[in-house]
N, C-alpha and C. Protein backbone atom coordinates (compact mmCIF):
# COMPACT_ATOMS: atom_id res chain seq x y z
N MET A 1 160.37 -147.83 -33.05
CA MET A 1 161.00 -147.45 -31.86
C MET A 1 161.49 -148.66 -30.96
N GLY A 2 162.56 -148.67 -30.56
CA GLY A 2 163.09 -149.59 -29.79
C GLY A 2 162.54 -149.83 -28.37
N SER A 3 162.54 -151.00 -27.73
CA SER A 3 162.08 -151.31 -26.41
C SER A 3 162.64 -150.21 -25.32
N MET A 4 163.89 -149.94 -25.59
CA MET A 4 164.52 -149.04 -24.42
C MET A 4 163.86 -147.69 -24.71
N SER A 5 163.51 -147.07 -25.74
CA SER A 5 163.11 -145.99 -26.02
C SER A 5 161.73 -146.01 -25.48
N ARG A 6 160.91 -147.04 -25.65
CA ARG A 6 159.53 -147.08 -25.14
C ARG A 6 159.49 -147.20 -23.56
N ALA A 7 160.42 -147.82 -23.03
CA ALA A 7 160.55 -147.89 -21.65
C ALA A 7 160.82 -146.62 -21.00
N PHE A 8 161.73 -145.81 -21.62
CA PHE A 8 162.11 -144.56 -21.14
C PHE A 8 160.93 -143.56 -21.24
N ILE A 9 160.16 -143.66 -22.26
CA ILE A 9 158.94 -142.73 -22.44
C ILE A 9 157.95 -143.08 -21.42
N LEU A 10 157.82 -144.42 -21.09
CA LEU A 10 156.85 -144.65 -20.08
C LEU A 10 157.00 -144.30 -18.78
N ILE A 11 158.51 -144.60 -18.46
CA ILE A 11 159.03 -143.99 -16.96
C ILE A 11 158.82 -142.55 -17.00
N THR A 12 159.20 -141.82 -18.06
CA THR A 12 158.96 -140.35 -17.96
C THR A 12 157.65 -139.91 -17.55
N MET A 13 156.68 -140.60 -18.40
CA MET A 13 155.22 -140.11 -18.16
C MET A 13 154.77 -140.60 -16.69
N VAL A 14 155.13 -141.73 -16.38
CA VAL A 14 154.76 -141.94 -15.04
C VAL A 14 155.46 -140.90 -13.91
N ALA A 15 156.50 -140.73 -14.11
CA ALA A 15 157.21 -139.64 -13.26
C ALA A 15 156.51 -138.23 -13.27
N CYS A 16 156.10 -137.96 -14.41
CA CYS A 16 155.32 -136.54 -14.57
C CYS A 16 153.97 -136.79 -13.85
N LEU A 17 153.28 -137.71 -14.10
CA LEU A 17 152.04 -138.03 -13.38
C LEU A 17 152.21 -138.13 -11.85
N THR A 18 153.15 -138.81 -11.36
CA THR A 18 153.35 -138.68 -10.00
C THR A 18 153.60 -137.40 -9.14
N SER A 19 154.26 -136.33 -9.84
CA SER A 19 154.59 -135.21 -9.48
C SER A 19 153.38 -134.34 -9.39
N VAL A 20 152.41 -134.36 -10.47
CA VAL A 20 151.15 -133.84 -10.61
C VAL A 20 150.17 -134.11 -9.48
N ALA A 21 150.30 -135.38 -9.11
CA ALA A 21 149.17 -135.93 -8.18
C ALA A 21 149.78 -135.89 -6.75
N HIS A 22 150.80 -135.06 -6.42
CA HIS A 22 151.44 -135.06 -4.99
C HIS A 22 150.36 -134.49 -4.09
N ALA A 23 150.25 -135.17 -3.03
CA ALA A 23 149.34 -134.51 -1.92
C ALA A 23 149.80 -133.70 -1.01
N ILE A 24 149.19 -132.77 -0.45
CA ILE A 24 149.60 -131.65 0.53
C ILE A 24 149.19 -132.17 1.72
N ALA A 25 150.18 -132.39 2.71
CA ALA A 25 149.76 -132.88 4.12
C ALA A 25 149.40 -131.61 5.06
N GLY A 26 148.53 -131.87 5.86
CA GLY A 26 147.89 -130.86 6.71
C GLY A 26 146.93 -131.40 7.76
N GLN A 27 146.16 -130.42 8.24
CA GLN A 27 145.15 -130.63 9.22
C GLN A 27 143.89 -130.15 8.93
N ALA A 28 142.84 -130.71 9.34
CA ALA A 28 141.42 -130.22 9.14
C ALA A 28 140.55 -130.00 10.38
N THR A 29 139.90 -129.09 10.47
CA THR A 29 138.99 -128.83 11.44
C THR A 29 137.47 -128.76 10.78
N PHE A 30 136.51 -128.54 11.36
CA PHE A 30 135.08 -128.26 10.65
C PHE A 30 134.36 -127.20 11.20
N TYR A 31 133.57 -126.64 10.47
CA TYR A 31 132.69 -125.43 10.81
C TYR A 31 131.29 -125.82 10.58
N THR A 32 130.25 -125.20 11.13
CA THR A 32 128.92 -125.56 11.07
C THR A 32 128.07 -124.60 10.42
N PRO A 33 126.91 -124.92 9.86
CA PRO A 33 125.98 -123.81 9.07
C PRO A 33 125.64 -122.76 9.95
N PRO A 34 125.17 -121.66 9.39
CA PRO A 34 125.08 -121.58 8.13
C PRO A 34 126.50 -121.22 7.37
N TYR A 35 126.37 -121.63 6.05
CA TYR A 35 127.46 -121.52 5.30
C TYR A 35 127.65 -120.33 4.17
N THR A 36 126.46 -119.70 4.39
CA THR A 36 126.55 -118.44 3.56
C THR A 36 126.20 -117.21 4.52
N PRO A 37 126.54 -116.02 4.28
CA PRO A 37 127.60 -115.67 3.11
C PRO A 37 128.73 -116.11 3.22
N SER A 38 129.54 -116.33 1.98
CA SER A 38 130.85 -116.77 2.00
C SER A 38 131.68 -115.66 1.42
N SER A 39 133.02 -115.71 1.68
CA SER A 39 133.87 -114.66 1.02
C SER A 39 134.10 -114.82 -0.52
N CYS A 40 133.81 -115.92 -0.93
CA CYS A 40 133.83 -116.15 -2.46
C CYS A 40 132.61 -115.93 -3.12
N PHE A 41 131.60 -116.41 -2.73
CA PHE A 41 130.27 -116.47 -3.37
C PHE A 41 129.12 -115.68 -2.71
N GLY A 42 129.36 -114.79 -1.73
CA GLY A 42 128.41 -114.18 -1.02
C GLY A 42 127.25 -115.02 -0.64
N PHE A 43 125.97 -114.75 -1.03
CA PHE A 43 124.99 -115.54 -0.48
C PHE A 43 124.60 -116.69 -1.37
N GLU A 44 125.40 -116.88 -2.47
CA GLU A 44 125.21 -118.09 -3.35
C GLU A 44 125.30 -119.44 -2.69
N ASP A 45 124.57 -120.45 -2.82
CA ASP A 45 124.62 -121.66 -2.03
C ASP A 45 125.46 -122.58 -3.04
N ARG A 46 126.48 -122.92 -2.28
CA ARG A 46 127.55 -123.85 -3.09
C ARG A 46 127.47 -125.20 -2.46
N GLY A 47 126.37 -125.69 -1.93
CA GLY A 47 126.18 -127.01 -1.35
C GLY A 47 126.93 -127.20 0.05
N VAL A 48 127.17 -128.36 0.56
CA VAL A 48 127.74 -128.66 1.67
C VAL A 48 128.95 -129.29 1.62
N LYS A 49 129.50 -129.63 0.65
CA LYS A 49 130.83 -130.45 0.49
C LYS A 49 131.82 -129.21 0.07
N ILE A 50 132.19 -128.31 1.08
CA ILE A 50 132.90 -127.11 1.00
C ILE A 50 134.01 -127.01 1.89
N LEU A 51 134.82 -126.03 1.59
CA LEU A 51 136.32 -125.78 2.32
C LEU A 51 136.23 -124.41 2.52
N ALA A 52 136.68 -124.15 3.72
CA ALA A 52 137.33 -122.57 4.11
C ALA A 52 138.90 -122.91 4.11
N ALA A 53 139.58 -122.02 3.28
CA ALA A 53 140.98 -122.01 3.12
C ALA A 53 141.89 -121.27 4.13
N ASN A 54 143.04 -121.80 4.51
CA ASN A 54 143.88 -120.73 5.18
C ASN A 54 144.46 -119.72 4.30
N ARG A 55 145.11 -118.54 4.78
CA ARG A 55 145.32 -117.58 3.98
C ARG A 55 146.32 -117.84 2.82
N GLY A 56 147.16 -118.51 2.98
CA GLY A 56 148.20 -118.99 1.96
C GLY A 56 147.43 -119.60 0.65
N LEU A 57 146.57 -120.60 1.16
CA LEU A 57 145.83 -121.43 0.15
C LEU A 57 144.81 -120.47 -0.58
N PHE A 58 144.31 -119.57 0.32
CA PHE A 58 143.15 -118.74 -0.34
C PHE A 58 143.65 -117.74 -1.32
N ASN A 59 144.80 -117.24 -0.85
CA ASN A 59 145.60 -116.38 -2.01
C ASN A 59 144.74 -115.22 -2.36
N ASN A 60 144.25 -114.37 -1.40
CA ASN A 60 143.44 -113.20 -1.75
C ASN A 60 142.24 -113.54 -2.80
N ARG A 61 141.43 -114.65 -2.46
CA ARG A 61 140.36 -115.23 -3.44
C ARG A 61 140.85 -116.01 -4.76
N ALA A 62 141.98 -116.17 -5.06
CA ALA A 62 142.40 -116.81 -6.14
C ALA A 62 142.02 -118.29 -6.16
N ALA A 63 141.95 -118.99 -5.01
CA ALA A 63 141.56 -120.25 -4.93
C ALA A 63 139.95 -120.49 -4.90
N CYS A 64 139.17 -119.36 -5.03
CA CYS A 64 137.83 -119.57 -4.93
C CYS A 64 137.32 -120.40 -6.13
N GLY A 65 136.49 -121.71 -5.74
CA GLY A 65 135.99 -122.50 -6.74
C GLY A 65 136.77 -123.57 -7.15
N THR A 66 138.03 -123.46 -6.55
CA THR A 66 139.04 -124.63 -6.81
C THR A 66 138.42 -125.90 -6.04
N ARG A 67 138.56 -127.05 -6.67
CA ARG A 67 138.26 -128.08 -5.92
C ARG A 67 139.30 -129.08 -5.70
N TYR A 68 139.22 -129.54 -4.33
CA TYR A 68 140.23 -130.54 -3.83
C TYR A 68 139.64 -131.80 -3.28
N ARG A 69 140.38 -132.95 -3.27
CA ARG A 69 140.07 -134.27 -2.84
C ARG A 69 140.73 -134.27 -1.45
N VAL A 70 140.04 -134.50 -0.32
CA VAL A 70 140.69 -134.57 0.99
C VAL A 70 140.46 -135.87 1.49
N THR A 71 141.53 -136.31 2.13
CA THR A 71 141.53 -137.74 2.78
C THR A 71 142.12 -137.71 4.10
N CYS A 72 141.50 -138.29 4.96
CA CYS A 72 141.77 -138.45 6.53
C CYS A 72 143.02 -139.29 6.57
N THR A 73 144.13 -139.05 7.24
CA THR A 73 145.28 -139.95 7.29
C THR A 73 145.46 -140.43 8.74
N SER A 74 145.11 -139.68 9.75
CA SER A 74 145.12 -140.10 11.15
C SER A 74 144.51 -138.99 12.01
N GLY A 75 144.43 -139.49 13.44
CA GLY A 75 143.78 -138.46 14.19
C GLY A 75 144.90 -137.71 14.84
N THR A 76 144.42 -136.61 15.64
CA THR A 76 145.45 -135.76 16.31
C THR A 76 145.50 -135.72 17.69
N ASN A 77 144.49 -136.52 18.38
CA ASN A 77 144.35 -136.34 19.89
C ASN A 77 143.93 -137.89 20.30
N ALA A 78 143.93 -137.81 21.61
CA ALA A 78 143.55 -139.18 22.24
C ALA A 78 142.08 -139.41 22.32
N GLY A 79 141.33 -138.39 22.17
CA GLY A 79 139.83 -138.59 22.30
C GLY A 79 139.23 -139.83 21.36
N VAL A 80 139.68 -139.68 20.23
CA VAL A 80 139.25 -140.74 19.18
C VAL A 80 140.35 -141.18 18.34
N ARG A 81 140.70 -142.45 18.86
CA ARG A 81 141.91 -143.01 18.50
C ARG A 81 142.11 -143.24 17.05
N GLN A 82 141.00 -143.73 16.41
CA GLN A 82 140.98 -144.13 14.87
C GLN A 82 139.63 -143.26 14.24
N PRO A 83 139.88 -142.02 14.01
CA PRO A 83 138.74 -141.47 13.53
C PRO A 83 138.50 -141.42 12.05
N CYS A 84 139.55 -141.87 11.19
CA CYS A 84 139.41 -141.94 9.77
C CYS A 84 138.53 -143.05 9.33
N LYS A 85 137.75 -142.79 8.28
CA LYS A 85 136.76 -143.67 7.87
C LYS A 85 137.17 -144.47 6.43
N GLY A 86 138.43 -143.95 6.08
CA GLY A 86 138.96 -144.71 4.81
C GLY A 86 138.34 -144.18 3.63
N THR A 87 137.84 -143.03 3.47
CA THR A 87 137.23 -142.53 2.38
C THR A 87 137.87 -141.11 2.16
N SER A 88 137.39 -140.44 0.94
CA SER A 88 137.77 -139.25 0.55
C SER A 88 136.66 -138.42 0.27
N VAL A 89 136.71 -137.14 0.19
CA VAL A 89 135.62 -136.12 -0.10
C VAL A 89 136.11 -135.32 -0.93
N ASP A 90 135.31 -134.91 -2.06
CA ASP A 90 135.60 -133.72 -2.96
C ASP A 90 135.06 -132.45 -2.47
N VAL A 91 135.70 -131.47 -2.27
CA VAL A 91 135.28 -130.21 -1.68
C VAL A 91 135.64 -129.00 -2.51
N THR A 92 135.01 -127.96 -2.57
CA THR A 92 135.02 -126.60 -3.33
C THR A 92 135.46 -125.43 -2.36
N VAL A 93 136.49 -124.80 -2.62
CA VAL A 93 136.80 -123.65 -1.68
C VAL A 93 135.86 -122.56 -2.01
N VAL A 94 135.23 -122.05 -0.81
CA VAL A 94 134.13 -121.08 -0.76
C VAL A 94 134.40 -119.96 0.08
N ASP A 95 135.49 -120.02 1.05
CA ASP A 95 135.65 -119.16 2.18
C ASP A 95 137.06 -119.15 2.53
N LEU A 96 137.40 -118.04 3.24
CA LEU A 96 138.72 -117.86 3.94
C LEU A 96 138.36 -118.41 5.49
N CYS A 97 139.50 -119.17 5.90
CA CYS A 97 139.46 -119.41 7.40
C CYS A 97 140.52 -118.67 8.01
N PRO A 98 140.19 -117.48 8.52
CA PRO A 98 141.31 -116.51 9.19
C PRO A 98 141.89 -117.02 10.30
N GLY A 99 141.25 -117.89 11.11
CA GLY A 99 141.90 -118.66 12.27
C GLY A 99 142.85 -119.80 11.91
N CYS A 100 142.70 -120.27 10.68
CA CYS A 100 143.60 -121.38 10.37
C CYS A 100 145.00 -121.20 10.14
N ALA A 101 145.85 -122.22 10.61
CA ALA A 101 147.30 -122.25 10.44
C ALA A 101 147.55 -122.49 9.12
N GLY A 102 148.75 -122.21 8.76
CA GLY A 102 149.25 -122.49 7.23
C GLY A 102 149.11 -123.84 6.76
N ASN A 103 149.05 -124.74 7.68
CA ASN A 103 148.94 -126.07 7.11
C ASN A 103 147.36 -126.64 7.29
N GLN A 104 146.54 -125.75 7.66
CA GLN A 104 145.21 -126.18 8.02
C GLN A 104 143.98 -125.70 7.03
N VAL A 105 143.11 -126.56 6.97
CA VAL A 105 141.90 -126.13 6.27
C VAL A 105 140.70 -126.37 7.12
N ASP A 106 139.61 -125.75 7.03
CA ASP A 106 138.19 -125.84 7.70
C ASP A 106 137.14 -126.35 6.81
N LEU A 107 136.89 -127.78 7.01
CA LEU A 107 135.80 -128.36 6.20
C LEU A 107 134.37 -128.15 6.71
N SER A 108 133.49 -128.06 5.90
CA SER A 108 132.09 -128.13 6.40
C SER A 108 131.85 -129.32 7.25
N GLN A 109 130.87 -129.25 8.13
CA GLN A 109 130.76 -130.40 9.10
C GLN A 109 130.33 -131.74 8.24
N GLU A 110 129.55 -131.43 7.08
CA GLU A 110 129.11 -132.61 6.32
C GLU A 110 130.29 -133.32 5.59
N ALA A 111 131.41 -132.47 5.05
CA ALA A 111 132.33 -132.96 4.41
C ALA A 111 133.44 -133.74 5.32
N PHE A 112 133.53 -133.08 6.53
CA PHE A 112 134.36 -133.60 7.65
C PHE A 112 133.77 -135.19 7.99
N ALA A 113 132.49 -135.10 8.05
CA ALA A 113 131.89 -136.38 8.46
C ALA A 113 131.97 -137.50 7.54
N VAL A 114 132.11 -137.20 6.30
CA VAL A 114 132.38 -138.20 5.22
C VAL A 114 133.66 -138.96 5.47
N ILE A 115 134.81 -138.26 5.93
CA ILE A 115 136.12 -138.85 6.12
C ILE A 115 136.38 -139.19 7.57
N ALA A 116 135.72 -138.67 8.50
CA ALA A 116 136.13 -138.90 9.88
C ALA A 116 135.04 -138.81 10.74
N ASN A 117 135.15 -139.33 11.93
CA ASN A 117 134.29 -139.07 13.03
C ASN A 117 134.30 -137.52 13.61
N PRO A 118 133.28 -136.88 13.49
CA PRO A 118 133.22 -135.52 13.95
C PRO A 118 133.60 -135.21 15.29
N ASP A 119 133.58 -136.26 16.21
CA ASP A 119 134.00 -136.26 17.74
C ASP A 119 135.48 -135.99 17.81
N ALA A 120 136.20 -136.36 16.72
CA ALA A 120 137.79 -136.07 16.69
C ALA A 120 138.03 -134.59 16.85
N GLY A 121 137.11 -133.74 15.97
CA GLY A 121 137.46 -132.42 15.92
C GLY A 121 138.54 -131.76 15.01
N ARG A 122 139.67 -132.59 15.06
CA ARG A 122 140.78 -132.15 14.31
C ARG A 122 141.35 -133.39 13.76
N ILE A 123 141.83 -133.38 12.49
CA ILE A 123 142.39 -134.79 11.92
C ILE A 123 143.51 -134.40 11.06
N ASN A 124 144.47 -135.19 10.84
CA ASN A 124 145.51 -135.10 9.98
C ASN A 124 144.98 -135.45 8.60
N ILE A 125 145.42 -134.81 7.47
CA ILE A 125 144.81 -134.97 6.20
C ILE A 125 145.96 -134.93 5.08
N GLU A 126 145.50 -135.43 3.89
CA GLU A 126 146.19 -135.06 2.72
C GLU A 126 144.99 -134.55 1.72
N TYR A 127 145.38 -133.59 0.91
CA TYR A 127 144.55 -133.22 -0.07
C TYR A 127 145.33 -132.74 -1.40
N ASN A 128 144.74 -132.81 -2.44
CA ASN A 128 145.18 -132.59 -3.74
C ASN A 128 144.00 -132.05 -4.71
N ARG A 129 144.51 -131.42 -5.74
CA ARG A 129 143.44 -131.02 -6.83
C ARG A 129 143.10 -132.22 -7.68
């Protein structure tokens, strides 16, 4: 195989991987225990690294059990100027957040604290599967 063919295949593979790994921008708030019962799993304890999804993401329970990696990108208010900790957290969808906007998710307090200062209350995020 020629070097041009190899280069084309490599570029195509990278383009495909880039589109799969595209992150969704949004905002996150947090909620506090108790985390059960949940809409997805009832009284089954799914740990504390969990997420309550907005109606679109939740999709009538289709998202139950789906895992996402969430990263804080910036703050949303003047109260905490730089709330992000520079880390990501892996969470599992366990519930519906009926009050969340279409671009918002509600993290458990523990998951939120991994990526941002909880005093911020609301942060800008990116998340992907």
